[in-house]
Amino acid sequence: MGYGPYVQLDTASDDYLGFDEHGIGGSFIALTVDGPRTYGFLATQYYSAEGSIGDSYSNFFIQPFYDYTTEAAMTIELTSESNYNWNEDQWSIPLTITASQYFEVSGQPILIGGGFKYWLESAPGDPEGLSLNLNLYLLFPK
């Protein structure tokens, strides 16, 4: 378990990509590793920090997750990155399932995978329906 402050800096290059404000809040994470299974959640409550706190936005983010890693280093994950907008009384709830395979090429650790994301609930401006996600990560451990 862990908790700490959340700080959001206004770094968006376009107003469409961000809140155009700084934000503050707090985060909490709890997770368990039980053999090949890792599960838990991340939760964050954050507010706009300009003007009166929370006037422009007040959002709650929660990300429950369940991962299972096989002996062949394939990880299957079920997660959601849900957001609740308190000012608009609106949820955004995507459900994601992915599979990723770990391997090495000439000593370079790589993770490649993909999956599907389906929006159970969409706020105005959010995606809707089903999408395909593809991932490629080059890993650089110490």
N, C-alpha and C. Protein backbone atom coordinates (compact mmCIF):
# COMPACT_ATOMS: atom_id res chain seq x y z
N MET A 1 0.84 -1.18 0.00
CA MET A 1 0.00 0.00 0.00
C MET A 1 0.88 1.24 0.00
N GLY A 2 0.35 2.28 -0.56
CA GLY A 2 1.05 3.54 -0.56
C GLY A 2 0.10 4.69 -0.84
N TYR A 3 0.47 5.86 -0.43
CA TYR A 3 -0.34 7.05 -0.69
C TYR A 3 0.58 8.25 -0.79
N GLY A 4 0.08 9.28 -1.42
CA GLY A 4 0.90 10.47 -1.55
C GLY A 4 0.17 11.57 -2.29
N PRO A 5 0.85 12.69 -2.45
CA PRO A 5 0.23 13.83 -3.13
C PRO A 5 0.16 13.62 -4.63
N TYR A 6 -0.77 14.30 -5.25
CA TYR A 6 -0.93 14.31 -6.70
C TYR A 6 -0.80 15.76 -7.14
N VAL A 7 0.06 16.01 -8.12
CA VAL A 7 0.25 17.35 -8.65
C VAL A 7 0.10 17.29 -10.16
N GLN A 8 -0.72 18.16 -10.70
CA GLN A 8 -0.93 18.23 -12.15
C GLN A 8 -0.46 19.58 -12.64
N LEU A 9 0.47 19.56 -13.59
CA LEU A 9 0.99 20.79 -14.15
C LEU A 9 0.35 21.06 -15.50
N ASP A 10 0.08 22.31 -15.79
CA ASP A 10 -0.52 22.70 -17.06
C ASP A 10 0.57 22.71 -18.13
N THR A 11 0.74 21.57 -18.82
CA THR A 11 1.77 21.44 -19.86
C THR A 11 1.18 21.12 -21.23
N ALA A 12 -0.14 21.10 -21.36
CA ALA A 12 -0.77 20.76 -22.63
C ALA A 12 -0.44 21.81 -23.69
N SER A 13 -0.12 21.35 -24.89
CA SER A 13 0.22 22.27 -25.98
C SER A 13 -1.03 22.86 -26.64
N ASP A 14 -2.20 22.31 -26.29
CA ASP A 14 -3.47 22.78 -26.84
C ASP A 14 -4.53 22.62 -25.76
N ASP A 15 -5.45 23.56 -25.63
CA ASP A 15 -6.49 23.49 -24.61
C ASP A 15 -7.32 22.22 -24.72
N TYR A 16 -7.46 21.67 -25.92
CA TYR A 16 -8.23 20.44 -26.11
C TYR A 16 -7.56 19.25 -25.41
N LEU A 17 -6.26 19.31 -25.22
CA LEU A 17 -5.50 18.21 -24.65
C LEU A 17 -5.36 18.27 -23.14
N GLY A 18 -5.80 19.34 -22.50
CA GLY A 18 -5.65 19.46 -21.05
C GLY A 18 -6.67 20.40 -20.46
N PHE A 19 -6.55 20.61 -19.15
CA PHE A 19 -7.49 21.45 -18.41
C PHE A 19 -7.13 22.93 -18.46
N ASP A 20 -5.93 23.27 -18.93
CA ASP A 20 -5.45 24.65 -18.95
C ASP A 20 -5.36 25.22 -17.54
N GLU A 21 -5.11 24.35 -16.57
CA GLU A 21 -4.96 24.74 -15.17
C GLU A 21 -4.04 23.75 -14.46
N HIS A 22 -3.55 24.17 -13.31
CA HIS A 22 -2.81 23.27 -12.44
C HIS A 22 -3.82 22.54 -11.55
N GLY A 23 -3.42 21.37 -11.05
CA GLY A 23 -4.30 20.60 -10.18
C GLY A 23 -3.55 20.00 -9.01
N ILE A 24 -4.30 19.68 -7.95
CA ILE A 24 -3.74 19.05 -6.76
C ILE A 24 -4.70 17.98 -6.27
N GLY A 25 -4.17 17.07 -5.48
CA GLY A 25 -5.02 16.02 -4.92
C GLY A 25 -4.18 14.99 -4.19
N GLY A 26 -4.74 13.80 -4.08
CA GLY A 26 -4.04 12.71 -3.41
C GLY A 26 -4.29 11.39 -4.12
N SER A 27 -3.34 10.46 -3.98
CA SER A 27 -3.43 9.14 -4.60
C SER A 27 -3.20 8.06 -3.55
N PHE A 28 -3.78 6.90 -3.82
CA PHE A 28 -3.64 5.73 -2.96
C PHE A 28 -3.52 4.51 -3.85
N ILE A 29 -2.60 3.60 -3.53
CA ILE A 29 -2.48 2.34 -4.27
C ILE A 29 -2.42 1.19 -3.28
N ALA A 30 -3.08 0.11 -3.64
CA ALA A 30 -3.01 -1.13 -2.87
C ALA A 30 -2.87 -2.26 -3.89
N LEU A 31 -1.91 -3.16 -3.66
CA LEU A 31 -1.76 -4.29 -4.56
C LEU A 31 -1.23 -5.48 -3.81
N THR A 32 -1.51 -6.65 -4.37
CA THR A 32 -1.05 -7.92 -3.82
C THR A 32 -0.42 -8.71 -4.94
N VAL A 33 0.74 -9.30 -4.66
CA VAL A 33 1.37 -10.24 -5.58
C VAL A 33 1.25 -11.61 -4.93
N ASP A 34 0.54 -12.50 -5.61
CA ASP A 34 0.27 -13.84 -5.09
C ASP A 34 0.67 -14.85 -6.17
N GLY A 35 1.94 -15.25 -6.14
CA GLY A 35 2.45 -16.16 -7.18
C GLY A 35 2.39 -15.48 -8.53
N PRO A 36 1.69 -16.08 -9.50
CA PRO A 36 1.61 -15.48 -10.84
C PRO A 36 0.58 -14.36 -10.96
N ARG A 37 -0.17 -14.09 -9.90
CA ARG A 37 -1.23 -13.09 -9.92
C ARG A 37 -0.79 -11.80 -9.23
N THR A 38 -1.14 -10.67 -9.85
CA THR A 38 -0.97 -9.36 -9.24
C THR A 38 -2.30 -8.65 -9.38
N TYR A 39 -2.83 -8.14 -8.28
CA TYR A 39 -4.12 -7.46 -8.35
C TYR A 39 -4.19 -6.36 -7.31
N GLY A 40 -5.06 -5.40 -7.59
CA GLY A 40 -5.22 -4.28 -6.68
C GLY A 40 -5.89 -3.12 -7.37
N PHE A 41 -5.62 -1.92 -6.88
CA PHE A 41 -6.21 -0.72 -7.50
C PHE A 41 -5.39 0.51 -7.17
N LEU A 42 -5.53 1.50 -8.03
CA LEU A 42 -4.98 2.83 -7.84
C LEU A 42 -6.16 3.78 -7.81
N ALA A 43 -6.19 4.70 -6.87
CA ALA A 43 -7.27 5.69 -6.78
C ALA A 43 -6.68 7.08 -6.57
N THR A 44 -7.23 8.06 -7.27
CA THR A 44 -6.76 9.44 -7.17
C THR A 44 -7.96 10.39 -7.17
N GLN A 45 -7.96 11.34 -6.26
CA GLN A 45 -8.93 12.43 -6.26
C GLN A 45 -8.15 13.71 -6.51
N TYR A 46 -8.55 14.47 -7.54
CA TYR A 46 -7.80 15.69 -7.84
C TYR A 46 -8.74 16.83 -8.22
N TYR A 47 -8.26 18.05 -7.93
CA TYR A 47 -9.05 19.27 -8.08
C TYR A 47 -8.26 20.31 -8.86
N SER A 48 -8.98 21.22 -9.52
CA SER A 48 -8.31 22.38 -10.10
C SER A 48 -7.77 23.21 -8.94
N ALA A 49 -6.59 23.80 -9.16
CA ALA A 49 -5.94 24.53 -8.08
C ALA A 49 -5.91 26.03 -8.31
N GLU A 50 -6.57 26.51 -9.34
CA GLU A 50 -6.58 27.95 -9.62
C GLU A 50 -7.96 28.49 -9.30
N GLY A 51 -8.02 29.70 -8.76
CA GLY A 51 -9.30 30.24 -8.31
C GLY A 51 -9.70 29.50 -7.04
N SER A 52 -10.98 29.19 -6.88
CA SER A 52 -11.43 28.40 -5.74
C SER A 52 -11.17 26.92 -6.05
N ILE A 53 -10.57 26.23 -5.11
CA ILE A 53 -10.21 24.83 -5.31
C ILE A 53 -11.43 24.03 -5.77
N GLY A 54 -11.29 23.32 -6.90
CA GLY A 54 -12.34 22.45 -7.39
C GLY A 54 -13.39 23.13 -8.24
N ASP A 55 -13.33 24.46 -8.42
CA ASP A 55 -14.35 25.14 -9.22
C ASP A 55 -14.39 24.64 -10.66
N SER A 56 -13.22 24.56 -11.31
CA SER A 56 -13.19 24.16 -12.72
C SER A 56 -13.36 22.66 -12.90
N TYR A 57 -12.69 21.88 -12.05
CA TYR A 57 -12.87 20.44 -12.13
C TYR A 57 -12.58 19.79 -10.79
N SER A 58 -13.26 18.69 -10.58
CA SER A 58 -13.07 17.83 -9.42
C SER A 58 -13.31 16.42 -9.93
N ASN A 59 -12.24 15.63 -10.03
CA ASN A 59 -12.33 14.31 -10.64
C ASN A 59 -11.80 13.22 -9.72
N PHE A 60 -12.42 12.06 -9.83
CA PHE A 60 -11.99 10.87 -9.11
C PHE A 60 -11.61 9.84 -10.15
N PHE A 61 -10.40 9.28 -10.04
CA PHE A 61 -9.90 8.27 -10.97
C PHE A 61 -9.68 6.98 -10.19
N ILE A 62 -10.15 5.86 -10.74
CA ILE A 62 -9.89 4.57 -10.10
C ILE A 62 -9.50 3.56 -11.17
N GLN A 63 -8.45 2.80 -10.88
CA GLN A 63 -7.94 1.81 -11.82
C GLN A 63 -7.76 0.47 -11.10
N PRO A 64 -8.83 -0.35 -11.07
CA PRO A 64 -8.64 -1.71 -10.55
C PRO A 64 -7.93 -2.55 -11.61
N PHE A 65 -7.12 -3.51 -11.18
CA PHE A 65 -6.40 -4.35 -12.15
C PHE A 65 -6.22 -5.76 -11.61
N TYR A 66 -6.15 -6.69 -12.54
CA TYR A 66 -5.86 -8.09 -12.24
C TYR A 66 -4.96 -8.60 -13.35
N ASP A 67 -3.75 -9.06 -12.99
CA ASP A 67 -2.79 -9.57 -13.95
C ASP A 67 -2.45 -11.01 -13.60
N TYR A 68 -2.30 -11.83 -14.63
CA TYR A 68 -1.83 -13.20 -14.46
C TYR A 68 -0.68 -13.42 -15.43
N THR A 69 0.48 -13.87 -14.89
CA THR A 69 1.66 -14.11 -15.72
C THR A 69 1.94 -15.60 -15.76
N THR A 70 2.03 -16.14 -16.98
CA THR A 70 2.28 -17.56 -17.17
C THR A 70 3.77 -17.87 -16.98
N GLU A 71 4.11 -19.16 -16.90
CA GLU A 71 5.51 -19.56 -16.80
C GLU A 71 6.29 -19.20 -18.06
N ALA A 72 5.60 -19.01 -19.19
CA ALA A 72 6.24 -18.62 -20.45
C ALA A 72 6.36 -17.10 -20.58
N ALA A 73 6.15 -16.36 -19.49
CA ALA A 73 6.29 -14.89 -19.43
C ALA A 73 5.26 -14.14 -20.24
N MET A 74 4.07 -14.71 -20.39
CA MET A 74 2.95 -13.98 -21.00
C MET A 74 2.06 -13.47 -19.88
N THR A 75 1.71 -12.18 -19.95
CA THR A 75 0.85 -11.58 -18.94
C THR A 75 -0.50 -11.24 -19.56
N ILE A 76 -1.54 -11.68 -18.90
CA ILE A 76 -2.91 -11.35 -19.30
C ILE A 76 -3.46 -10.41 -18.23
N GLU A 77 -4.01 -9.26 -18.67
CA GLU A 77 -4.46 -8.25 -17.72
C GLU A 77 -5.89 -7.82 -18.02
N LEU A 78 -6.66 -7.69 -16.96
CA LEU A 78 -8.00 -7.11 -17.02
C LEU A 78 -7.96 -5.86 -16.15
N THR A 79 -8.33 -4.71 -16.72
CA THR A 79 -8.27 -3.45 -15.97
C THR A 79 -9.34 -2.48 -16.46
N SER A 80 -9.54 -1.45 -15.69
CA SER A 80 -10.39 -0.33 -16.08
C SER A 80 -9.72 0.94 -15.58
N GLU A 81 -9.77 1.99 -16.37
CA GLU A 81 -9.22 3.30 -15.99
C GLU A 81 -10.39 4.28 -15.93
N SER A 82 -11.20 4.15 -14.90
CA SER A 82 -12.45 4.89 -14.80
C SER A 82 -12.25 6.26 -14.17
N ASN A 83 -13.04 7.21 -14.64
CA ASN A 83 -12.97 8.58 -14.14
C ASN A 83 -14.39 9.08 -13.84
N TYR A 84 -14.54 9.71 -12.66
CA TYR A 84 -15.82 10.33 -12.32
C TYR A 84 -15.62 11.83 -12.20
N ASN A 85 -16.39 12.59 -12.96
CA ASN A 85 -16.36 14.05 -12.93
C ASN A 85 -17.45 14.51 -11.96
N TRP A 86 -17.06 14.98 -10.78
CA TRP A 86 -18.03 15.40 -9.76
C TRP A 86 -18.85 16.60 -10.21
N ASN A 87 -18.25 17.52 -10.93
CA ASN A 87 -18.97 18.73 -11.34
C ASN A 87 -20.04 18.44 -12.38
N GLU A 88 -19.81 17.45 -13.24
CA GLU A 88 -20.76 17.10 -14.30
C GLU A 88 -21.59 15.86 -13.96
N ASP A 89 -21.30 15.20 -12.83
CA ASP A 89 -21.98 13.96 -12.43
C ASP A 89 -21.92 12.94 -13.57
N GLN A 90 -20.70 12.67 -14.08
CA GLN A 90 -20.54 11.83 -15.27
C GLN A 90 -19.37 10.86 -15.10
N TRP A 91 -19.62 9.57 -15.39
CA TRP A 91 -18.60 8.54 -15.39
C TRP A 91 -18.04 8.32 -16.79
N SER A 92 -16.76 7.95 -16.87
CA SER A 92 -16.13 7.39 -18.06
C SER A 92 -15.56 6.05 -17.62
N ILE A 93 -16.06 4.95 -18.20
CA ILE A 93 -15.65 3.62 -17.73
C ILE A 93 -15.26 2.73 -18.90
N PRO A 94 -13.96 2.64 -19.18
CA PRO A 94 -13.51 1.68 -20.18
C PRO A 94 -13.11 0.36 -19.48
N LEU A 95 -13.31 -0.75 -20.15
CA LEU A 95 -12.89 -2.06 -19.67
C LEU A 95 -11.87 -2.58 -20.68
N THR A 96 -10.68 -2.96 -20.21
CA THR A 96 -9.59 -3.36 -21.10
C THR A 96 -9.09 -4.74 -20.75
N ILE A 97 -8.88 -5.57 -21.77
CA ILE A 97 -8.22 -6.86 -21.60
C ILE A 97 -7.06 -6.92 -22.58
N THR A 98 -5.88 -7.27 -22.06
CA THR A 98 -4.68 -7.31 -22.90
C THR A 98 -3.88 -8.58 -22.61
N ALA A 99 -3.05 -8.94 -23.57
CA ALA A 99 -2.07 -10.01 -23.41
C ALA A 99 -0.74 -9.48 -23.91
N SER A 100 0.31 -9.68 -23.12
CA SER A 100 1.64 -9.18 -23.47
C SER A 100 2.66 -10.30 -23.28
N GLN A 101 3.60 -10.39 -24.21
CA GLN A 101 4.65 -11.41 -24.14
C GLN A 101 6.00 -10.76 -23.93
N TYR A 102 6.75 -11.27 -22.96
CA TYR A 102 8.11 -10.80 -22.69
C TYR A 102 9.09 -11.72 -23.42
N PHE A 103 10.11 -11.11 -24.06
CA PHE A 103 11.19 -11.87 -24.67
C PHE A 103 12.39 -10.95 -24.85
N GLU A 104 13.51 -11.53 -25.25
CA GLU A 104 14.73 -10.75 -25.47
C GLU A 104 15.25 -10.98 -26.88
N VAL A 105 15.77 -9.92 -27.49
CA VAL A 105 16.42 -9.98 -28.79
C VAL A 105 17.82 -9.40 -28.61
N SER A 106 18.83 -10.21 -28.79
CA SER A 106 20.23 -9.78 -28.60
C SER A 106 20.44 -9.13 -27.23
N GLY A 107 19.82 -9.69 -26.21
CA GLY A 107 19.96 -9.17 -24.86
C GLY A 107 19.06 -8.00 -24.51
N GLN A 108 18.30 -7.49 -25.49
CA GLN A 108 17.38 -6.36 -25.25
C GLN A 108 16.02 -6.89 -24.81
N PRO A 109 15.61 -6.64 -23.56
CA PRO A 109 14.27 -7.06 -23.11
C PRO A 109 13.18 -6.28 -23.85
N ILE A 110 12.16 -7.01 -24.31
CA ILE A 110 11.06 -6.42 -25.07
C ILE A 110 9.74 -6.98 -24.54
N LEU A 111 8.73 -6.15 -24.54
CA LEU A 111 7.37 -6.56 -24.21
C LEU A 111 6.49 -6.13 -25.37
N ILE A 112 5.78 -7.09 -25.95
CA ILE A 112 4.89 -6.78 -27.06
C ILE A 112 3.52 -7.39 -26.76
N GLY A 113 2.48 -6.67 -27.10
CA GLY A 113 1.15 -7.18 -26.79
C GLY A 113 0.05 -6.38 -27.45
N GLY A 114 -1.14 -6.73 -27.07
CA GLY A 114 -2.31 -6.06 -27.60
C GLY A 114 -3.54 -6.50 -26.84
N GLY A 115 -4.65 -5.86 -27.18
CA GLY A 115 -5.89 -6.20 -26.52
C GLY A 115 -7.03 -5.34 -27.00
N PHE A 116 -8.11 -5.42 -26.25
CA PHE A 116 -9.33 -4.71 -26.61
C PHE A 116 -9.78 -3.82 -25.46
N LYS A 117 -10.33 -2.68 -25.82
CA LYS A 117 -10.91 -1.76 -24.85
C LYS A 117 -12.34 -1.50 -25.28
N TYR A 118 -13.27 -1.66 -24.33
CA TYR A 118 -14.68 -1.38 -24.60
C TYR A 118 -15.17 -0.37 -23.58
N TRP A 119 -15.81 0.69 -24.08
CA TRP A 119 -16.31 1.75 -23.21
C TRP A 119 -17.70 1.38 -22.70
N LEU A 120 -17.80 1.04 -21.41
CA LEU A 120 -19.08 0.72 -20.78
C LEU A 120 -19.91 1.98 -20.58
N GLU A 121 -19.22 3.09 -20.29
CA GLU A 121 -19.87 4.39 -20.07
C GLU A 121 -18.94 5.45 -20.63
N SER A 122 -19.49 6.37 -21.40
CA SER A 122 -18.67 7.42 -22.02
C SER A 122 -19.22 8.79 -21.69
N ALA A 123 -18.35 9.69 -21.27
CA ALA A 123 -18.72 11.09 -21.07
C ALA A 123 -18.69 11.78 -22.43
N PRO A 124 -19.33 12.94 -22.56
CA PRO A 124 -19.24 13.67 -23.83
C PRO A 124 -17.77 13.92 -24.21
N GLY A 125 -17.43 13.63 -25.45
CA GLY A 125 -16.06 13.80 -25.93
C GLY A 125 -15.19 12.56 -25.77
N ASP A 126 -15.65 11.55 -25.02
CA ASP A 126 -14.90 10.31 -24.86
C ASP A 126 -15.14 9.39 -26.04
N PRO A 127 -14.23 8.45 -26.26
CA PRO A 127 -14.49 7.41 -27.28
C PRO A 127 -15.68 6.56 -26.87
N GLU A 128 -16.25 5.85 -27.82
CA GLU A 128 -17.36 4.94 -27.55
C GLU A 128 -17.08 3.63 -28.25
N GLY A 129 -17.71 2.58 -27.76
CA GLY A 129 -17.61 1.29 -28.43
C GLY A 129 -16.30 0.58 -28.15
N LEU A 130 -15.85 -0.19 -29.15
CA LEU A 130 -14.71 -1.08 -29.03
C LEU A 130 -13.50 -0.54 -29.77
N SER A 131 -12.31 -0.69 -29.20
CA SER A 131 -11.08 -0.30 -29.88
C SER A 131 -10.02 -1.39 -29.67
N LEU A 132 -9.05 -1.41 -30.55
CA LEU A 132 -7.93 -2.34 -30.48
C LEU A 132 -6.70 -1.59 -30.00
N ASN A 133 -5.97 -2.17 -29.06
CA ASN A 133 -4.74 -1.57 -28.54
C ASN A 133 -3.57 -2.47 -28.88
N LEU A 134 -2.50 -1.90 -29.43
CA LEU A 134 -1.26 -2.62 -29.70
C LEU A 134 -0.13 -1.93 -28.96
N ASN A 135 0.77 -2.70 -28.33
CA ASN A 135 1.83 -2.13 -27.52
C ASN A 135 3.17 -2.78 -27.85
N LEU A 136 4.22 -1.97 -27.83
CA LEU A 136 5.59 -2.43 -27.96
C LEU A 136 6.44 -1.62 -26.98
N TYR A 137 7.10 -2.30 -26.05
CA TYR A 137 7.94 -1.63 -25.07
C TYR A 137 9.35 -2.18 -25.15
N LEU A 138 10.33 -1.30 -25.25
CA LEU A 138 11.73 -1.65 -25.09
C LEU A 138 12.07 -1.38 -23.63
N LEU A 139 12.54 -2.38 -22.92
CA LEU A 139 12.79 -2.27 -21.48
C LEU A 139 14.28 -2.06 -21.24
N PHE A 140 14.61 -1.16 -20.32
CA PHE A 140 16.00 -0.85 -20.00
C PHE A 140 16.21 -0.97 -18.48
N PRO A 141 16.29 -2.21 -17.97
CA PRO A 141 16.49 -2.38 -16.53
C PRO A 141 17.89 -1.95 -16.11
N LYS A 142 18.03 -1.57 -14.85
CA LYS A 142 19.33 -1.14 -14.31
C LYS A 142 20.25 -2.33 -14.18
